C-alpha atoms as a PDB file:
ATOM      1  CA  UNK A   1      -2.222 169.524  46.992  1.00  0.00           C
ATOM      2  CA  UNK A   2       0.134 167.399  47.882  1.00  0.00           C
ATOM      3  CA  UNK A   3       3.534 168.333  50.020  1.00  0.00           C
ATOM      4  CA  UNK A   4       6.331 169.535  47.890  1.00  0.00           C
ATOM      5  CA  UNK A   5       9.547 168.005  47.935  1.00  0.00           C
ATOM      6  CA  UNK A   6      12.926 169.179  49.246  1.00  0.00           C
ATOM      7  CA  UNK A   7      15.646 167.550  47.845  1.00  0.00           C
ATOM      8  CA  UNK A   8      18.409 170.060  49.104  1.00  0.00           C
ATOM      9  CA  UNK A   9      17.231 169.301  52.322  1.00  0.00           C
ATOM     10  CA  UNK A  10      17.201 165.777  51.833  1.00  0.00           C
ATOM     11  CA  UNK A  11      20.853 165.756  51.069  1.00  0.00           C
ATOM     12  CA  UNK A  12      21.967 167.799  53.870  1.00  0.00           C
ATOM     13  CA  UNK A  13      20.253 165.449  56.384  1.00  0.00           C
ATOM     14  CA  UNK A  14      22.509 163.024  54.377  1.00  0.00           C
ATOM     15  CA  UNK A  15      25.586 164.512  54.675  1.00  0.00           C
ATOM     16  CA  UNK A  16      24.570 165.064  58.548  1.00  0.00           C
ATOM     17  CA  UNK A  17      24.114 161.909  59.391  1.00  0.00           C
ATOM     18  CA  UNK A  18      27.260 160.856  57.426  1.00  0.00           C
ATOM     19  CA  UNK A  19      29.240 163.820  59.444  1.00  0.00           C
ATOM     20  CA  UNK A  20      27.951 162.706  62.582  1.00  0.00           C
ATOM     21  CA  UNK A  21      29.286 158.395  62.497  1.00  0.00           C
ATOM     22  CA  UNK A  22      32.270 159.471  60.716  1.00  0.00           C
ATOM     23  CA  UNK A  23      32.824 161.527  64.273  1.00  0.00           C
ATOM     24  CA  UNK A  24      31.024 158.325  66.340  1.00  0.00           C
ATOM     25  CA  UNK A  25      33.737 155.950  64.645  1.00  0.00           C
ATOM     26  CA  UNK A  26      36.758 158.015  65.596  1.00  0.00           C
ATOM     27  CA  UNK A  27      35.602 158.887  69.002  1.00  0.00           C
ATOM     28  CA  UNK A  28      35.126 154.781  69.502  1.00  0.00           C
ATOM     29  CA  UNK A  29      38.993 154.647  67.494  1.00  0.00           C
ATOM     30  CA  UNK A  30      40.627 156.797  69.475  1.00  0.00           C
ATOM     31  CA  UNK A  31      39.350 155.166  73.101  1.00  0.00           C
ATOM     32  CA  UNK A  32      41.851 152.266  74.221  1.00  0.00           C
ATOM     33  CA  UNK A  33      41.137 149.075  73.764  1.00  0.00           C
ATOM     34  CA  UNK A  34      39.973 147.136  76.935  1.00  0.00           C
ATOM     35  CA  UNK A  35      41.812 144.945  78.619  1.00  0.00           C
ATOM     36  CA  UNK A  36      41.974 141.466  78.883  1.00  0.00           C
ATOM     37  CA  UNK A  37      42.082 139.876  82.779  1.00  0.00           C
ATOM     38  CA  UNK A  38      46.152 138.288  81.954  1.00  0.00           C
ATOM     39  CA  UNK A  39      47.124 142.057  81.440  1.00  0.00           C
ATOM     40  CA  UNK A  40      46.387 142.833  84.915  1.00  0.00           C
ATOM     41  CA  UNK A  41      48.237 139.800  86.643  1.00  0.00           C
ATOM     42  CA  UNK A  42      51.168 139.827  84.013  1.00  0.00           C
ATOM     43  CA  UNK A  43      52.216 143.485  85.267  1.00  0.00           C
ATOM     44  CA  UNK A  44      51.694 142.632  89.298  1.00  0.00           C
ATOM     45  CA  UNK A  45      54.012 139.617  88.039  1.00  0.00           C
ATOM     46  CA  UNK A  46      56.303 141.518  86.517  1.00  0.00           C
ATOM     47  CA  UNK A  47      56.408 144.598  89.369  1.00  0.00           C
ATOM     48  CA  UNK A  48      56.290 141.874  91.842  1.00  0.00           C
ATOM     49  CA  UNK A  49      59.729 140.086  90.116  1.00  0.00           C
ATOM     50  CA  UNK A  50      61.352 143.739  90.429  1.00  0.00           C
ATOM     51  CA  UNK A  51      60.146 144.303  94.154  1.00  0.00           C
ATOM     52  CA  UNK A  52      62.001 140.971  94.391  1.00  0.00           C
ATOM     53  CA  UNK A  53      64.864 141.659  92.397  1.00  0.00           C
ATOM     54  CA  UNK A  54      65.376 145.192  94.165  1.00  0.00           C
ATOM     55  CA  UNK A  55      65.502 143.277  97.718  1.00  0.00           C
ATOM     56  CA  UNK A  56      68.451 140.977  97.148  1.00  0.00           C
ATOM     57  CA  UNK A  57      70.106 143.297  96.201  1.00  0.00           C
ATOM     58  CA  UNK A  58      69.840 145.427  99.382  1.00  0.00           C
ATOM     59  CA  UNK A  59      70.385 141.955 101.085  1.00  0.00           C
ATOM     60  CA  UNK A  60      73.346 141.150  99.704  1.00  0.00           C
ATOM     61  CA  UNK A  61      74.913 144.819  99.849  1.00  0.00           C
ATOM     62  CA  UNK A  62      73.793 145.196 103.718  1.00  0.00           C
ATOM     63  CA  UNK A  63      75.063 141.614 103.879  1.00  0.00           C
ATOM     64  CA  UNK A  64      78.753 142.968 102.231  1.00  0.00           C
ATOM     65  CA  UNK A  65      79.131 145.745 104.585  1.00  0.00           C
ATOM     66  CA  UNK A  66      78.352 144.191 107.507  1.00  0.00           C
ATOM     67  CA  UNK A  67      81.283 141.628 106.907  1.00  0.00           C
ATOM     68  CA  UNK A  68      83.616 144.428 106.256  1.00  0.00           C
ATOM     69  CA  UNK A  69      82.406 145.627 109.304  1.00  0.00           C
ATOM     70  CA  UNK A  70      83.024 142.524 111.800  1.00  0.00           C
ATOM     71  CA  UNK A  71      86.509 142.445 110.078  1.00  0.00           C
ATOM     72  CA  UNK A  72      87.320 145.835 110.634  1.00  0.00           C
ATOM     73  CA  UNK A  73      85.743 145.637 114.750  1.00  0.00           C
ATOM     74  CA  UNK A  74      87.941 142.572 115.067  1.00  0.00           C
ATOM     75  CA  UNK A  75      91.250 144.212 113.436  1.00  0.00           C
ATOM     76  CA  UNK A  76      90.633 147.381 115.712  1.00  0.00           C
ATOM     77  CA  UNK A  77      89.617 145.426 118.505  1.00  0.00           C
ATOM     78  CA  UNK A  78      93.248 143.372 117.740  1.00  0.00           C
ATOM     79  CA  UNK A  79      95.065 146.408 117.843  1.00  0.00           C
ATOM     80  CA  UNK A  80      94.249 148.297 121.215  1.00  0.00           C
ATOM     81  CA  UNK A  81      94.788 144.569 122.929  1.00  0.00           C
ATOM     82  CA  UNK A  82      97.881 145.682 120.950  1.00  0.00           C
ATOM     83  CA  UNK A  83      98.608 148.610 122.557  1.00  0.00           C
ATOM     84  CA  UNK A  84      96.872 148.482 126.146  1.00  0.00           C
ATOM     85  CA  UNK A  85      99.531 145.660 126.659  1.00  0.00           C
ATOM     86  CA  UNK A  86     102.316 147.765 124.424  1.00  0.00           C
ATOM     87  CA  UNK A  87     101.329 150.542 127.456  1.00  0.00           C
ATOM     88  CA  UNK A  88     102.187 148.232 130.046  1.00  0.00           C
ATOM     89  CA  UNK A  89     104.965 146.013 129.584  1.00  0.00           C
ATOM     90  CA  UNK A  90     106.317 149.808 128.570  1.00  0.00           C
ATOM     91  CA  UNK A  91     105.780 151.018 132.287  1.00  0.00           C
ATOM     92  CA  UNK A  92     106.621 147.193 133.313  1.00  0.00           C
ATOM     93  CA  UNK A  93     110.601 147.753 132.077  1.00  0.00           C
ATOM     94  CA  UNK A  94     111.594 149.648 134.384  1.00  0.00           C
ATOM     95  CA  UNK A  95     110.611 147.418 137.372  1.00  0.00           C
ATOM     96  CA  UNK A  96     112.743 144.981 135.716  1.00  0.00           C
ATOM     97  CA  UNK A  97     115.696 147.379 135.358  1.00  0.00           C
ATOM     98  CA  UNK A  98     115.292 148.275 138.972  1.00  0.00           C
ATOM     99  CA  UNK A  99     115.822 144.749 139.576  1.00  0.00           C
ATOM    100  CA  UNK A 100     118.710 144.550 137.627  1.00  0.00           C
ATOM    101  CA  UNK A 101     120.393 146.964 139.500  1.00  0.00           C
ATOM    102  CA  UNK A 102     119.491 145.450 142.536  1.00  0.00           C
ATOM    103  CA  UNK A 103     120.700 142.567 141.955  1.00  0.00           C
ATOM    104  CA  UNK A 104     124.090 144.100 140.480  1.00  0.00           C
ATOM    105  CA  UNK A 105     124.481 146.103 143.954  1.00  0.00           C
ATOM    106  CA  UNK A 106     124.564 142.627 146.001  1.00  0.00           C
ATOM    107  CA  UNK A 107     126.256 140.745 143.927  1.00  0.00           C
ATOM    108  CA  UNK A 108     129.360 143.389 144.313  1.00  0.00           C
ATOM    109  CA  UNK A 109     128.655 144.808 148.189  1.00  0.00           C
ATOM    110  CA  UNK A 110     127.418 141.846 149.403  1.00  0.00           C
ATOM    111  CA  UNK A 111     125.073 143.452 152.043  1.00  0.00           C
ATOM    112  CA  UNK A 112     122.034 142.089 152.313  1.00  0.00           C
ATOM    113  CA  UNK A 113     119.856 145.235 154.567  1.00  0.00           C
ATOM    114  CA  UNK A 114     120.617 147.346 150.736  1.00  0.00           C
ATOM    115  CA  UNK A 115     119.939 144.753 148.850  1.00  0.00           C
ATOM    116  CA  UNK A 116     116.164 144.428 150.920  1.00  0.00           C
ATOM    117  CA  UNK A 117     115.459 147.994 151.192  1.00  0.00           C
ATOM    118  CA  UNK A 118     116.641 148.284 147.107  1.00  0.00           C
ATOM    119  CA  UNK A 119     113.940 144.507 146.899  1.00  0.00           C
ATOM    120  CA  UNK A 120     111.526 146.873 148.361  1.00  0.00           C
ATOM    121  CA  UNK A 121     111.989 150.302 146.751  1.00  0.00           C
ATOM    122  CA  UNK A 122     111.306 148.058 143.655  1.00  0.00           C
ATOM    123  CA  UNK A 123     108.364 146.115 144.472  1.00  0.00           C
ATOM    124  CA  UNK A 124     106.997 148.966 145.531  1.00  0.00           C
ATOM    125  CA  UNK A 125     107.084 150.517 142.191  1.00  0.00           C
ATOM    126  CA  UNK A 126     106.001 147.937 140.514  1.00  0.00           C
ATOM    127  CA  UNK A 127     102.806 147.775 142.966  1.00  0.00           C
ATOM    128  CA  UNK A 128     102.140 151.683 141.709  1.00  0.00           C
ATOM    129  CA  UNK A 129     102.557 150.531 138.325  1.00  0.00           C
ATOM    130  CA  UNK A 130      99.975 147.512 138.435  1.00  0.00           C
ATOM    131  CA  UNK A 131      97.112 150.092 141.134  1.00  0.00           C
ATOM    132  CA  UNK A 132      97.309 152.909 138.382  1.00  0.00           C
ATOM    133  CA  UNK A 133      95.993 150.257 135.507  1.00  0.00           C
ATOM    134  CA  UNK A 134      93.705 149.104 138.009  1.00  0.00           C
ATOM    135  CA  UNK A 135      94.859 146.624 139.947  1.00  0.00           C
ATOM    136  CA  UNK A 136      93.007 146.085 143.880  1.00  0.00           C
ATOM    137  CA  UNK A 137      94.117 143.556 146.265  1.00  0.00           C
ATOM    138  CA  UNK A 138      91.129 141.497 147.558  1.00  0.00           C
ATOM    139  CA  UNK A 139      91.063 141.700 151.130  1.00  0.00           C
ATOM    140  CA  UNK A 140      90.552 138.195 152.906  1.00  0.00           C
ATOM    141  CA  UNK A 141      92.841 137.517 156.323  1.00  0.00           C
ATOM    142  CA  UNK A 142      89.956 137.995 158.918  1.00  0.00           C
ATOM    143  CA  UNK A 143      86.646 138.334 156.968  1.00  0.00           C
ATOM    144  CA  UNK A 144      83.943 135.853 156.394  1.00  0.00           C
ATOM    145  CA  UNK A 145      84.373 133.742 153.531  1.00  0.00           C
ATOM    146  CA  UNK A 146      83.082 135.034 150.378  1.00  0.00           C
ATOM    147  CA  UNK A 147      82.538 131.956 147.324  1.00  0.00           C
ATOM    148  CA  UNK A 148      82.865 135.309 144.942  1.00  0.00           C
ATOM    149  CA  UNK A 149      86.208 136.137 146.133  1.00  0.00           C
ATOM    150  CA  UNK A 150      87.726 133.286 148.085  1.00  0.00           C
ATOM    151  CA  UNK A 151      88.961 129.930 147.246  1.00  0.00           C
ATOM    152  CA  UNK A 152      89.063 127.561 149.988  1.00  0.00           C
ATOM    153  CA  UNK A 153      92.495 125.528 150.282  1.00  0.00           C
ATOM    154  CA  UNK A 154      91.027 124.112 153.398  1.00  0.00           C
ATOM    155  CA  UNK A 155      89.669 124.545 157.267  1.00  0.00           C
ATOM    156  CA  UNK A 156      91.366 124.839 160.486  1.00  0.00           C
ATOM    157  CA  UNK A 157      90.186 125.143 163.555  1.00  0.00           C
ATOM    158  CA  UNK A 158      91.243 128.193 164.889  1.00  0.00           C
ATOM    159  CA  UNK A 159      91.332 130.204 169.140  1.00  0.00           C
ATOM    160  CA  UNK A 160      91.287 133.439 166.937  1.00  0.00           C
ATOM    161  CA  UNK A 161      89.004 133.334 164.225  1.00  0.00           C
ATOM    162  CA  UNK A 162      85.597 132.346 164.132  1.00  0.00           C
ATOM    163  CA  UNK A 163      84.061 129.598 162.134  1.00  0.00           C
ATOM    164  CA  UNK A 164      83.639 130.663 158.612  1.00  0.00           C
ATOM    165  CA  UNK A 165      86.434 133.471 159.449  1.00  0.00           C
ATOM    166  CA  UNK A 166      89.404 133.538 156.803  1.00  0.00           C
ATOM    167  CA  UNK A 167      92.334 132.622 159.252  1.00  0.00           C
ATOM    168  CA  UNK A 168      94.990 132.233 156.928  1.00  0.00           C
ATOM    169  CA  UNK A 169      95.990 133.389 152.725  1.00  0.00           C
ATOM    170  CA  UNK A 170      97.876 130.983 150.812  1.00  0.00           C
ATOM    171  CA  UNK A 171      97.722 133.023 147.571  1.00  0.00           C
ATOM    172  CA  UNK A 172      96.164 137.196 147.290  1.00  0.00           C
ATOM    173  CA  UNK A 173      93.505 137.505 144.890  1.00  0.00           C
ATOM    174  CA  UNK A 174      93.200 140.580 143.294  1.00  0.00           C
ATOM    175  CA  UNK A 175      90.171 142.936 140.675  1.00  0.00           C
ATOM    176  CA  UNK A 176      91.125 144.508 137.732  1.00  0.00           C
ATOM    177  CA  UNK A 177      88.895 147.419 137.502  1.00  0.00           C
ATOM    178  CA  UNK A 178      85.495 146.190 139.853  1.00  0.00           C
ATOM    179  CA  UNK A 179      85.732 142.645 138.178  1.00  0.00           C
ATOM    180  CA  UNK A 180      87.505 139.264 139.648  1.00  0.00           C
ATOM    181  CA  UNK A 181      90.922 138.653 138.390  1.00  0.00           C
ATOM    182  CA  UNK A 182      92.467 136.227 140.858  1.00  0.00           C
ATOM    183  CA  UNK A 183      90.579 134.369 143.773  1.00  0.00           C
ATOM    184  CA  UNK A 184      92.563 134.126 146.997  1.00  0.00           C
ATOM    185  CA  UNK A 185      93.321 130.997 147.781  1.00  0.00           C
ATOM    186  CA  UNK A 186      92.818 130.715 151.286  1.00  0.00           C
ATOM    187  CA  UNK A 187      92.499 128.795 155.019  1.00  0.00           C
ATOM    188  CA  UNK A 188      88.907 128.582 156.297  1.00  0.00           C
ATOM    189  CA  UNK A 189      88.469 129.011 160.305  1.00  0.00           C
ATOM    190  CA  UNK A 190      86.381 125.290 161.802  1.00  0.00           C
ATOM    191  CA  UNK A 191      86.267 127.853 165.203  1.00  0.00           C
ATOM    192  CA  UNK A 192      87.637 126.993 168.640  1.00  0.00           C
ATOM    193  CA  UNK A 193      89.223 123.506 169.175  1.00  0.00           C
ATOM    194  CA  UNK A 194      87.259 120.644 170.841  1.00  0.00           C
ATOM    195  CA  UNK A 195      88.914 119.841 173.267  1.00  0.00           C
ATOM    196  CA  UNK A 196      89.081 123.765 174.355  1.00  0.00           C
ATOM    197  CA  UNK A 197      85.320 123.564 173.413  1.00  0.00           C
ATOM    198  CA  UNK A 198      85.207 120.957 175.701  1.00  0.00           C
ATOM    199  CA  UNK A 199      87.230 122.459 178.484  1.00  0.00           C
ATOM    200  CA  UNK A 200      84.157 125.686 178.913  1.00  0.00           C
ATOM    201  CA  UNK A 201      81.924 123.771 178.653  1.00  0.00           C
ATOM    202  CA  UNK A 202      82.893 121.370 181.389  1.00  0.00           C
ATOM    203  CA  UNK A 203      83.608 124.895 183.189  1.00  0.00           C
ATOM    204  CA  UNK A 204      79.968 125.832 183.087  1.00  0.00           C
ATOM    205  CA  UNK A 205      78.276 122.492 184.526  1.00  0.00           C
END
């Protein structure tokens, strides 16, 4: 006997195959299309351009901030210098008033002694003000010549001071808060006169 055909089962198989093929098609449709080689390059280029733009914006902001900071600092420094000068001048106005009083008193009385005492008081007052502001006189006479603090005007022979010592001072030098403000103009000793040295050598011989 031959095998019996079952048309119903065959129809079911056909329908099952068709449904499977439809599922495969739908899944294929869901899968993204593969990107071409140019797509990643475009993305990287766009990202790089965006980063460059951000960096340019930051650089512009920093430049503007620095410019504002520089201008503000310059204004503050100028204001600080003006205030410092104003404070010092205000303190020196009392000295100026005292000088005027001394001159007026000397004209009225012609008393030299009182005038001298008045000027000395004004000088002491002014020196105290400058000392409080950080001014300090450089010691020169009797000290070894130091080019960092002394300016040699000339040299001279001396019985009192050895060679290379400061024997006289033409102009006083000053320090301001441990910084050289003005060097002392001095006369530097050459040592004993030659005649004196010759006499000593003759006595020894």
